[in-house]
Amino acid sequence: MPYFDAASAAPLHPVAREALLAALDEGWADPARLYREGRRARLLLDAAREAAADAVGCRPDELTFTPSGTHAVHSGMFGVLAARRRVGRRLVHSAVEHSSVLHAAEVHAAAGGTVTEVPVDRTGRVAQAAVADALGGGTALVCLQSANHEVGTEQPVQEVAAHCREAGVPLLVDAAQSVPWGPVPGAWSVLTASAHKWGGPPGVGLLVVRKGTRFAPQGPLDERESGRSPGFGNLPAVVAAAAALRALRAAAQSGPDEAARLRGLVERIRAGVPELVPDVEVVGDPVRRLPHLVTFSCLYVDGEALLHELDRAGFSVSSGSSCTSSTLTPSHVLRAMGVLSEGNVRVSLPYGTEAADVERFLTVLPEAVRSVRERFGVPAQEPARGAAGTGEPTAEPAASGLVVDTLGRRCPVPVIELAKVIGEVPLGATVTVLSDDAAARQDIPAWCAMREQEYVGEEPAERGAAYVVRRRV
């Protein structure tokens, strides 16, 4: 069964499995102790730290192992913010950061700090100039992921790091998605990563604080990991994580370029999906992106239903669609980009993915989408161009337009109902969709862009909101 969700968690690397089993026998003792078993465990811990530091591109004494990538993000952010409290309490981050950054930002704001969110373009990339403009007085920290976890877009970390250094502001880079593919360039100050993204076991994170960066660990402290991650860590998992990362780097330097191979497979999906499935939007930067990840959204499709269809066909994929979320709110990444969220599918290929599996995915996907659309009663044909029933434009827009009530109904129903009735109004007339689904605020404008209709805007309503669309074609 092809597993296409490596961005969530990569399969355990064979080298990691071997190292984990060996470390369970040799590394179970407390590495802080001076007796024989403790010294043996300490040697394993030091070797793991050196291997991970070499792969990341830092000094071993700058790297701390943490219980998770999220723990590393929170420790890194609050450690820098506390150390720079006298400088200011302003936190700057992009609109598409991982939720771990956003949650920490909420806590910082609740404690009296200020937060500035930098927008991104339609590809999900932040403009380095926008970050530079946000570096006003009192900025304590900037957070910028190296590459986006949902759409794969790479961020201009090196350029932003240069702006931050010039302004004397530390930059924290969430490198969870990019560390498997190589070191992060630039003069960043703090870096975080998570082992289960590169084939290590879950429960291991990396926190790197470069020398010269002011840092004050928060919370209860002890003597372990320089006080930055207290408690007796999972040494066998740490050893396995470092072994996997070292194996990936060695393979990249000595063998075929796996990143280039996976990039080719992803390009096949990027090009093939719009040809095979109508009404699809492939999102993310087409060039400056992670080699193994592609995301697309399917119009008129419930994301949860589509994922179940693909699962039945033998494919494990992920989604940022609100239709698969318990909160029923669209992905903050897709919302910030202003792209379609419904029917969203993220494909992230693990190392060793076979080309035949990708081809079979492209064979299965069209039928899966067709089945879901049929279940929702999606209109089979586009409306005729011109006025309803005549094909000719009207001279004047109608004084009042059609109102479609979709209150209480989830994505993708509001857009489907809009598509059903748009052909019933003359050119220049409007359709108003009433909806209390949060995804409608994002998906109706996206539908208009895809269908060359005019999105007039959102108006208040007694319940939910009223989304006004003018027919243009």
Protein backbone atom coordinates (compact mmCIF):
# COMPACT_ATOMS: atom_id res chain seq x y z
CA MET A 1 0.00 0.00 0.00
CA PRO A 2 1.72 3.24 -1.13
CA TYR A 3 2.27 5.67 1.71
CA PHE A 4 2.26 9.25 0.40
CA ASP A 5 2.28 11.27 3.64
CA ALA A 6 5.97 11.62 4.48
CA ALA A 7 5.47 15.29 5.40
CA SER A 8 3.49 14.11 8.43
CA ALA A 9 5.80 11.25 9.34
CA ALA A 10 8.32 9.41 7.20
CA PRO A 11 8.61 5.62 7.48
CA LEU A 12 11.32 4.51 9.89
CA HIS A 13 14.65 4.39 8.05
CA PRO A 14 16.26 0.91 8.04
CA VAL A 15 19.42 2.36 9.58
CA ALA A 16 17.33 3.97 12.31
CA ARG A 17 15.71 0.64 13.09
CA GLU A 18 19.09 -1.08 13.45
CA ALA A 19 20.47 1.74 15.59
CA LEU A 20 17.37 1.77 17.78
CA LEU A 21 17.57 -1.94 18.53
CA ALA A 22 21.29 -1.74 19.28
CA ALA A 23 20.85 1.31 21.50
CA LEU A 24 18.13 -0.43 23.49
CA ASP A 25 20.80 -2.89 24.60
CA GLU A 26 23.73 -0.48 24.94
CA GLY A 27 22.18 2.91 25.72
CA TRP A 28 19.64 2.28 28.43
CA ALA A 29 21.68 3.72 31.31
CA ASP A 30 21.82 7.32 32.53
CA PRO A 31 24.49 9.15 30.48
CA ALA A 32 25.07 11.51 33.43
CA ARG A 33 26.48 8.72 35.59
CA LEU A 34 30.17 7.83 35.90
CA TYR A 35 29.97 4.06 36.06
CA ARG A 36 30.60 1.81 33.06
CA GLU A 37 27.04 1.64 31.72
CA GLY A 38 26.61 5.41 32.13
CA ARG A 39 29.88 6.13 30.30
CA ARG A 40 28.79 3.85 27.46
CA ALA A 41 25.48 5.71 27.18
CA ARG A 42 27.31 9.04 27.25
CA LEU A 43 29.51 7.97 24.34
CA LEU A 44 26.41 7.10 22.34
CA LEU A 45 24.78 10.45 23.17
CA ASP A 46 27.90 12.43 22.24
CA ALA A 47 28.27 10.54 18.96
CA ALA A 48 24.60 11.17 18.12
CA ARG A 49 24.99 14.88 18.87
CA GLU A 50 28.06 15.16 16.66
CA ALA A 51 26.35 13.33 13.78
CA ALA A 52 23.21 15.49 13.99
CA ALA A 53 25.23 18.70 14.27
CA ASP A 54 27.30 17.79 11.23
CA ALA A 55 24.15 17.11 9.20
CA VAL A 56 22.45 20.34 10.31
CA GLY A 57 25.56 22.50 9.94
CA CYS A 58 26.23 23.65 13.50
CA ARG A 59 28.57 22.96 16.41
CA PRO A 60 27.73 19.98 18.64
CA ASP A 61 27.54 22.21 21.71
CA GLU A 62 24.91 24.34 19.95
CA LEU A 63 22.52 21.40 19.49
CA THR A 64 20.01 20.14 22.04
CA PHE A 65 17.81 17.05 21.74
CA THR A 66 14.19 17.67 22.78
CA PRO A 67 11.13 15.41 23.19
CA SER A 68 9.58 16.67 19.91
CA GLY A 69 9.80 19.27 17.19
CA THR A 70 6.94 21.21 18.79
CA HIS A 71 8.81 21.23 22.11
CA ALA A 72 11.87 22.55 20.27
CA VAL A 73 9.84 25.36 18.66
CA HIS A 74 8.27 26.43 21.95
CA SER A 75 11.55 26.24 23.85
CA GLY A 76 13.35 28.16 21.14
CA MET A 77 10.77 30.91 20.86
CA PHE A 78 10.21 31.49 24.57
CA GLY A 79 13.93 31.22 25.33
CA VAL A 80 14.80 34.00 22.89
CA LEU A 81 11.79 36.17 23.77
CA ALA A 82 12.65 35.98 27.47
CA ALA A 83 16.32 36.79 26.90
CA ARG A 84 15.45 39.83 24.76
CA ARG A 85 12.63 41.15 26.91
CA ARG A 86 14.49 44.42 27.56
CA VAL A 87 14.94 44.97 23.81
CA GLY A 88 11.25 44.61 23.13
CA ARG A 89 8.31 42.21 23.11
CA ARG A 90 7.48 42.17 19.43
CA LEU A 91 7.32 38.82 17.62
CA VAL A 92 7.25 38.67 13.82
CA HIS A 93 6.23 35.56 11.88
CA SER A 94 4.83 34.65 8.48
CA ALA A 95 1.15 33.88 7.99
CA VAL A 96 1.90 30.27 7.00
CA GLU A 97 4.00 29.10 9.95
CA HIS A 98 3.33 25.74 11.55
CA SER A 99 0.64 25.72 14.23
CA SER A 100 3.32 25.25 16.92
CA VAL A 101 4.62 28.75 16.13
CA LEU A 102 1.11 30.21 16.00
CA HIS A 103 0.16 28.69 19.35
CA ALA A 104 3.30 30.08 20.96
CA ALA A 105 2.52 33.47 19.42
CA GLU A 106 -0.96 33.39 21.01
CA VAL A 107 0.57 32.73 24.42
CA HIS A 108 3.06 35.55 23.89
CA ALA A 109 0.26 37.96 22.95
CA ALA A 110 -1.85 36.90 25.93
CA ALA A 111 1.11 37.69 28.19
CA GLY A 112 1.27 41.27 26.88
CA GLY A 113 3.57 40.85 23.90
CA THR A 114 2.80 42.05 20.39
CA VAL A 115 2.67 39.91 17.27
CA THR A 116 3.11 40.97 13.65
CA GLU A 117 2.01 38.53 10.95
CA VAL A 118 3.67 38.94 7.53
CA PRO A 119 1.44 37.95 4.58
CA VAL A 120 2.43 35.64 1.74
CA ASP A 121 1.69 35.65 -1.98
CA ARG A 122 -0.53 33.14 -3.79
CA THR A 123 2.31 30.60 -3.90
CA GLY A 124 2.74 30.74 -0.12
CA ARG A 125 6.05 32.59 -0.25
CA VAL A 126 6.80 35.58 1.95
CA ALA A 127 8.46 38.62 0.42
CA GLN A 128 11.81 39.27 2.08
CA ALA A 129 11.15 43.01 1.80
CA ALA A 130 7.94 42.57 3.80
CA VAL A 131 9.87 40.93 6.61
CA ALA A 132 12.50 43.67 6.47
CA ASP A 133 9.77 46.30 6.73
CA ALA A 134 8.39 44.54 9.83
CA LEU A 135 11.72 44.77 11.65
CA GLY A 136 10.84 47.88 13.58
CA GLY A 137 12.07 48.93 16.98
CA GLY A 138 11.34 46.54 19.79
CA THR A 139 11.39 43.40 17.65
CA ALA A 140 12.64 40.54 19.79
CA LEU A 141 12.36 37.61 17.38
CA VAL A 142 11.47 36.67 13.80
CA CYS A 143 10.15 33.18 12.97
CA LEU A 144 10.24 31.84 9.42
CA GLN A 145 9.92 28.25 8.31
CA SER A 146 12.46 27.03 5.74
CA ALA A 147 9.72 25.37 3.68
CA ASN A 148 5.98 25.11 4.12
CA HIS A 149 4.57 21.91 5.54
CA GLU A 150 1.33 21.98 3.51
CA VAL A 151 2.29 23.20 0.04
CA GLY A 152 6.08 22.74 -0.03
CA THR A 153 6.98 26.33 -0.91
CA GLU A 154 10.52 27.25 0.14
CA GLN A 155 11.01 30.54 1.94
CA PRO A 156 13.84 33.06 1.33
CA VAL A 157 15.56 32.17 4.61
CA GLN A 158 19.04 33.25 3.57
CA GLU A 159 17.88 36.70 2.46
CA VAL A 160 15.64 37.19 5.50
CA ALA A 161 18.50 36.11 7.78
CA ALA A 162 20.68 38.81 6.25
CA HIS A 163 18.02 41.46 6.98
CA CYS A 164 17.65 40.17 10.54
CA ARG A 165 21.39 40.21 11.16
CA GLU A 166 21.61 43.78 9.88
CA ALA A 167 18.81 44.79 12.25
CA GLY A 168 20.30 42.85 15.16
CA VAL A 169 17.23 40.60 15.47
CA PRO A 170 17.55 36.81 15.86
CA LEU A 171 15.83 34.56 13.32
CA LEU A 172 14.28 31.24 14.35
CA VAL A 173 13.90 28.80 11.47
CA ASP A 174 11.45 25.91 11.67
CA ALA A 175 13.32 23.47 9.43
CA ALA A 176 11.21 20.39 10.11
CA GLN A 177 10.37 19.84 6.45
CA SER A 178 13.70 20.77 4.88
CA VAL A 179 16.33 19.20 7.16
CA PRO A 180 15.91 15.80 5.46
CA TRP A 181 17.11 17.42 2.23
CA GLY A 182 20.12 19.35 3.49
CA PRO A 183 21.37 22.10 5.81
CA VAL A 184 19.50 25.41 5.94
CA PRO A 185 21.60 28.23 4.47
CA GLY A 186 21.99 31.68 5.96
CA ALA A 187 22.94 33.33 9.22
CA TRP A 188 19.95 32.10 11.21
CA SER A 189 20.14 32.20 15.01
CA VAL A 190 17.90 29.33 16.14
CA LEU A 191 16.78 26.24 14.26
CA THR A 192 14.29 23.50 15.09
CA ALA A 193 13.55 20.13 13.48
CA SER A 194 11.74 16.87 14.15
CA ALA A 195 13.18 13.38 13.64
CA HIS A 196 10.04 11.66 12.43
CA LYS A 197 10.13 13.87 9.32
CA TRP A 198 13.38 12.26 8.12
CA GLY A 199 12.80 8.62 9.06
CA GLY A 200 13.85 8.76 12.69
CA PRO A 201 11.55 7.56 15.46
CA PRO A 202 8.92 9.95 16.85
CA GLY A 203 9.67 11.69 20.11
CA VAL A 204 12.95 13.37 19.12
CA GLY A 205 13.35 17.03 18.20
CA LEU A 206 16.33 19.27 17.54
CA LEU A 207 16.90 22.72 19.00
CA VAL A 208 19.96 24.57 17.75
CA VAL A 209 20.94 27.88 19.35
CA ARG A 210 23.97 29.41 17.69
CA LYS A 211 26.71 30.92 19.78
CA GLY A 212 26.16 34.60 20.43
CA THR A 213 22.36 34.31 20.49
CA ARG A 214 20.86 35.55 23.75
CA PHE A 215 18.84 32.71 25.21
CA ALA A 216 17.15 32.17 28.58
CA PRO A 217 15.59 28.70 29.00
CA GLN A 218 12.11 28.83 30.46
CA GLY A 219 10.31 26.47 32.83
CA PRO A 220 11.77 23.99 35.30
CA LEU A 221 15.45 23.37 34.57
CA ASP A 222 18.02 20.73 35.38
CA GLU A 223 21.59 19.96 34.40
CA ARG A 224 20.75 17.97 31.27
CA GLU A 225 21.04 19.31 27.72
CA SER A 226 22.48 22.62 28.94
CA GLY A 227 19.25 23.22 30.84
CA ARG A 228 17.30 23.60 27.58
CA SER A 229 15.47 20.27 27.69
CA PRO A 230 15.16 18.88 31.22
CA GLY A 231 14.60 15.24 32.05
CA PHE A 232 16.06 11.87 31.17
CA GLY A 233 15.78 11.77 27.38
CA ASN A 234 14.99 8.77 25.18
CA LEU A 235 18.59 7.94 24.30
CA PRO A 236 17.86 4.96 22.01
CA ALA A 237 15.47 7.13 19.96
CA VAL A 238 18.06 9.95 19.83
CA VAL A 239 20.72 7.53 18.58
CA ALA A 240 18.34 6.17 15.94
CA ALA A 241 17.33 9.67 14.80
CA ALA A 242 20.95 10.75 14.38
CA ALA A 243 21.80 7.52 12.55
CA ALA A 244 18.97 8.06 10.07
CA LEU A 245 19.99 11.66 9.40
CA ARG A 246 23.62 10.67 8.92
CA ALA A 247 22.58 7.87 6.53
CA LEU A 248 20.52 10.31 4.44
CA ARG A 249 23.45 12.72 4.16
CA ALA A 250 25.85 9.91 3.23
CA ALA A 251 23.48 8.59 0.56
CA ALA A 252 23.02 12.08 -0.91
CA GLN A 253 26.78 12.57 -1.20
CA SER A 254 27.74 9.17 -2.56
CA GLY A 255 24.83 7.76 -4.54
CA PRO A 256 22.09 8.75 -7.01
CA ASP A 257 20.32 12.02 -6.26
CA GLU A 258 17.14 10.87 -4.54
CA ALA A 259 15.88 14.44 -4.23
CA ALA A 260 16.13 14.92 -8.00
CA ARG A 261 14.39 11.61 -8.63
CA LEU A 262 11.50 12.46 -6.30
CA ARG A 263 11.28 15.95 -7.80
CA GLY A 264 10.70 14.32 -11.17
CA LEU A 265 7.91 12.15 -9.77
CA VAL A 266 6.29 15.16 -8.13
CA GLU A 267 6.53 17.07 -11.40
CA ARG A 268 4.70 14.17 -13.05
CA ILE A 269 1.88 14.61 -10.52
CA ARG A 270 1.86 18.41 -10.87
CA ALA A 271 1.50 18.13 -14.63
CA GLY A 272 -0.71 15.04 -14.70
CA VAL A 273 -3.44 15.93 -12.21
CA PRO A 274 -4.82 18.98 -14.09
CA GLU A 275 -4.84 16.97 -17.32
CA LEU A 276 -6.67 14.01 -15.83
CA VAL A 277 -9.06 15.74 -13.40
CA PRO A 278 -11.14 18.78 -14.38
CA ASP A 279 -11.46 21.78 -12.07
CA VAL A 280 -8.25 21.29 -10.11
CA GLU A 281 -5.92 23.95 -8.72
CA VAL A 282 -2.31 22.91 -8.04
CA VAL A 283 -1.00 25.19 -5.30
CA GLY A 284 2.42 26.20 -4.05
CA ASP A 285 5.48 27.55 -5.83
CA PRO A 286 6.13 25.45 -8.97
CA VAL A 287 9.93 25.91 -8.78
CA ARG A 288 11.04 26.95 -5.30
CA ARG A 289 9.61 23.97 -3.47
CA LEU A 290 10.48 20.83 -1.57
CA PRO A 291 11.37 17.97 -3.91
CA HIS A 292 8.90 15.43 -2.54
CA LEU A 293 5.68 17.39 -1.94
CA VAL A 294 2.77 18.56 -4.09
CA THR A 295 -0.65 19.88 -3.07
CA PHE A 296 -3.77 20.35 -5.16
CA SER A 297 -7.41 21.23 -4.50
CA CYS A 298 -10.39 19.76 -6.34
CA LEU A 299 -13.45 21.90 -6.92
CA TYR A 300 -16.82 20.51 -5.75
CA VAL A 301 -15.18 17.82 -3.61
CA ASP A 302 -15.46 17.00 0.08
CA GLY A 303 -11.92 16.51 1.32
CA GLU A 304 -12.74 13.82 3.86
CA ALA A 305 -14.71 11.79 1.32
CA LEU A 306 -11.87 12.04 -1.20
CA LEU A 307 -9.27 10.89 1.32
CA HIS A 308 -11.47 7.90 2.17
CA GLU A 309 -11.80 7.04 -1.52
CA LEU A 310 -8.04 7.17 -1.99
CA ASP A 311 -7.50 5.14 1.17
CA ARG A 312 -9.82 2.44 -0.17
CA ALA A 313 -7.77 2.47 -3.36
CA GLY A 314 -4.62 1.88 -1.31
CA PHE A 315 -3.14 5.40 -1.06
CA SER A 316 -2.38 7.24 2.18
CA VAL A 317 -2.43 11.01 1.63
CA SER A 318 -3.14 14.08 3.74
CA SER A 319 -5.26 17.22 3.39
CA GLY A 320 -5.50 20.82 4.53
CA SER A 321 -9.16 21.01 3.63
CA SER A 322 -11.67 22.21 6.19
CA CYS A 323 -13.81 19.26 5.16
CA THR A 324 -11.41 16.96 7.02
CA SER A 325 -11.00 19.16 10.08
CA SER A 326 -12.76 18.68 13.39
CA THR A 327 -12.83 22.47 13.75
CA LEU A 328 -14.48 22.88 10.33
CA THR A 329 -12.19 25.81 9.57
CA PRO A 330 -10.00 25.89 6.46
CA SER A 331 -6.25 25.50 6.66
CA HIS A 332 -4.64 28.75 7.77
CA VAL A 333 -1.97 28.16 5.11
CA LEU A 334 -4.44 27.86 2.23
CA ARG A 335 -6.44 30.78 3.64
CA ALA A 336 -3.36 33.01 3.78
CA MET A 337 -2.54 32.09 0.19
CA GLY A 338 -6.08 32.82 -0.97
CA VAL A 339 -6.42 29.54 -2.85
CA LEU A 340 -9.13 26.91 -3.04
CA SER A 341 -9.32 24.76 0.07
CA GLU A 342 -12.05 22.26 -0.72
CA GLY A 343 -11.02 18.82 -1.90
CA ASN A 344 -7.44 19.52 -0.87
CA VAL A 345 -4.90 16.70 -1.21
CA ARG A 346 -1.26 16.78 -0.09
CA VAL A 347 1.01 14.15 -1.59
CA SER A 348 4.44 13.84 0.04
CA LEU A 349 6.61 11.01 -1.24
CA PRO A 350 8.95 9.14 1.10
CA TYR A 351 12.44 8.08 0.07
CA GLY A 352 12.36 5.13 -2.31
CA THR A 353 8.89 5.80 -3.78
CA GLU A 354 8.47 3.82 -6.99
CA ALA A 355 7.48 5.52 -10.24
CA ALA A 356 4.90 2.77 -10.79
CA ASP A 357 3.09 3.80 -7.59
CA VAL A 358 2.87 7.39 -8.80
CA GLU A 359 1.44 6.24 -12.13
CA ARG A 360 -1.13 4.09 -10.36
CA PHE A 361 -2.09 7.08 -8.18
CA LEU A 362 -2.73 9.12 -11.32
CA THR A 363 -4.88 6.28 -12.63
CA VAL A 364 -6.93 6.00 -9.44
CA LEU A 365 -7.41 9.71 -8.68
CA PRO A 366 -9.80 10.69 -11.53
CA GLU A 367 -12.32 8.00 -10.63
CA ALA A 368 -12.08 8.87 -6.92
CA VAL A 369 -12.83 12.53 -7.64
CA ARG A 370 -15.63 11.66 -10.07
CA SER A 371 -17.23 9.38 -7.49
CA VAL A 372 -17.21 12.05 -4.79
CA ARG A 373 -18.58 14.72 -7.13
CA GLU A 374 -21.35 12.42 -8.29
CA ARG A 375 -22.30 11.79 -4.68
CA PHE A 376 -22.72 15.56 -4.16
CA GLY A 377 -24.76 16.09 -7.30
CA VAL A 378 -22.26 18.33 -9.03
CA PRO A 379 -23.61 19.89 -12.27
CA ALA A 380 -22.28 18.01 -15.28
CA GLN A 381 -22.07 21.01 -17.60
CA GLU A 382 -20.96 24.62 -17.37
CA PRO A 383 -23.63 27.29 -17.83
CA ALA A 384 -24.06 28.66 -21.33
CA ARG A 385 -22.31 31.95 -21.95
CA GLY A 386 -24.54 34.99 -22.12
CA ALA A 387 -28.01 35.44 -20.66
CA ALA A 388 -29.83 32.41 -19.38
CA GLY A 389 -31.43 30.55 -22.26
CA THR A 390 -30.23 33.00 -24.98
CA GLY A 391 -26.43 32.93 -25.03
CA GLU A 392 -26.51 36.72 -25.43
CA PRO A 393 -25.44 39.30 -22.84
CA THR A 394 -28.07 41.49 -21.24
CA ALA A 395 -27.87 45.23 -21.57
CA GLU A 396 -28.34 46.01 -17.91
CA PRO A 397 -27.69 43.95 -14.80
CA ALA A 398 -30.71 42.77 -12.89
CA ALA A 399 -31.82 45.02 -10.06
CA SER A 400 -31.82 42.18 -7.57
CA GLY A 401 -30.11 38.85 -7.88
CA LEU A 402 -30.83 35.28 -6.95
CA VAL A 403 -30.32 34.19 -3.33
CA VAL A 404 -29.08 30.69 -2.52
CA ASP A 405 -29.50 29.53 1.08
CA THR A 406 -26.82 27.01 2.14
CA LEU A 407 -26.92 27.78 5.86
CA GLY A 408 -26.02 24.78 7.97
CA ARG A 409 -24.33 22.97 5.10
CA ARG A 410 -20.61 22.29 4.93
CA CYS A 411 -18.02 22.68 2.20
CA PRO A 412 -18.20 21.98 -0.69
CA VAL A 413 -22.00 22.42 -0.79
CA PRO A 414 -22.06 26.28 -0.94
CA VAL A 415 -19.86 26.31 -4.04
CA ILE A 416 -21.75 23.43 -5.65
CA GLU A 417 -25.07 25.23 -5.19
CA LEU A 418 -23.55 28.41 -6.62
CA ALA A 419 -22.36 26.49 -9.67
CA LYS A 420 -25.82 25.01 -10.17
CA VAL A 421 -27.59 28.37 -10.37
CA ILE A 422 -25.04 30.70 -11.97
CA GLY A 423 -26.40 29.86 -15.41
CA GLU A 424 -29.92 30.85 -14.40
CA VAL A 425 -29.13 34.56 -14.11
CA PRO A 426 -28.37 37.02 -16.93
CA LEU A 427 -24.90 38.37 -17.49
CA GLY A 428 -24.28 41.24 -15.09
CA ALA A 429 -26.79 39.95 -12.53
CA THR A 430 -25.77 38.68 -9.12
CA VAL A 431 -26.10 35.54 -7.07
CA THR A 432 -25.94 35.80 -3.26
CA VAL A 433 -24.90 32.71 -1.34
CA LEU A 434 -25.87 32.56 2.32
CA SER A 435 -23.46 30.39 4.27
CA ASP A 436 -22.21 29.89 7.82
CA ASP A 437 -19.39 27.58 6.73
CA ALA A 438 -15.99 29.19 7.35
CA ALA A 439 -14.57 27.69 4.17
CA ALA A 440 -17.03 29.62 2.00
CA ARG A 441 -15.17 32.86 2.71
CA GLN A 442 -12.17 31.33 0.98
CA ASP A 443 -13.69 28.99 -1.58
CA ILE A 444 -16.29 31.24 -3.19
CA PRO A 445 -13.72 33.88 -4.27
CA ALA A 446 -11.44 31.05 -5.44
CA TRP A 447 -14.31 29.58 -7.49
CA CYS A 448 -14.92 32.98 -9.07
CA ALA A 449 -11.27 33.23 -10.10
CA MET A 450 -11.35 29.75 -11.62
CA ARG A 451 -14.64 30.45 -13.44
CA GLU A 452 -13.91 34.03 -14.53
CA GLN A 453 -16.85 35.33 -12.52
CA GLU A 454 -16.74 38.50 -10.42
CA TYR A 455 -16.60 38.18 -6.69
CA VAL A 456 -18.40 41.31 -5.49
CA GLY A 457 -17.73 40.76 -1.79
CA GLU A 458 -19.10 39.68 1.54
CA GLU A 459 -22.08 41.30 3.21
CA PRO A 460 -23.46 40.89 6.75
CA ALA A 461 -26.38 38.54 7.29
CA GLU A 462 -28.60 37.57 10.22
CA ARG A 463 -26.73 34.26 10.33
CA GLY A 464 -23.37 33.54 8.76
CA ALA A 465 -22.51 35.79 5.83
CA ALA A 466 -23.80 36.70 2.38
CA TYR A 467 -21.34 36.21 -0.49
CA VAL A 468 -22.23 38.14 -3.63
CA VAL A 469 -21.10 36.95 -7.07
CA ARG A 470 -21.74 38.72 -10.39
CA ARG A 471 -22.00 36.64 -13.53
CA ARG A 472 -19.49 37.74 -16.15
CA VAL A 473 -19.37 34.78 -18.55
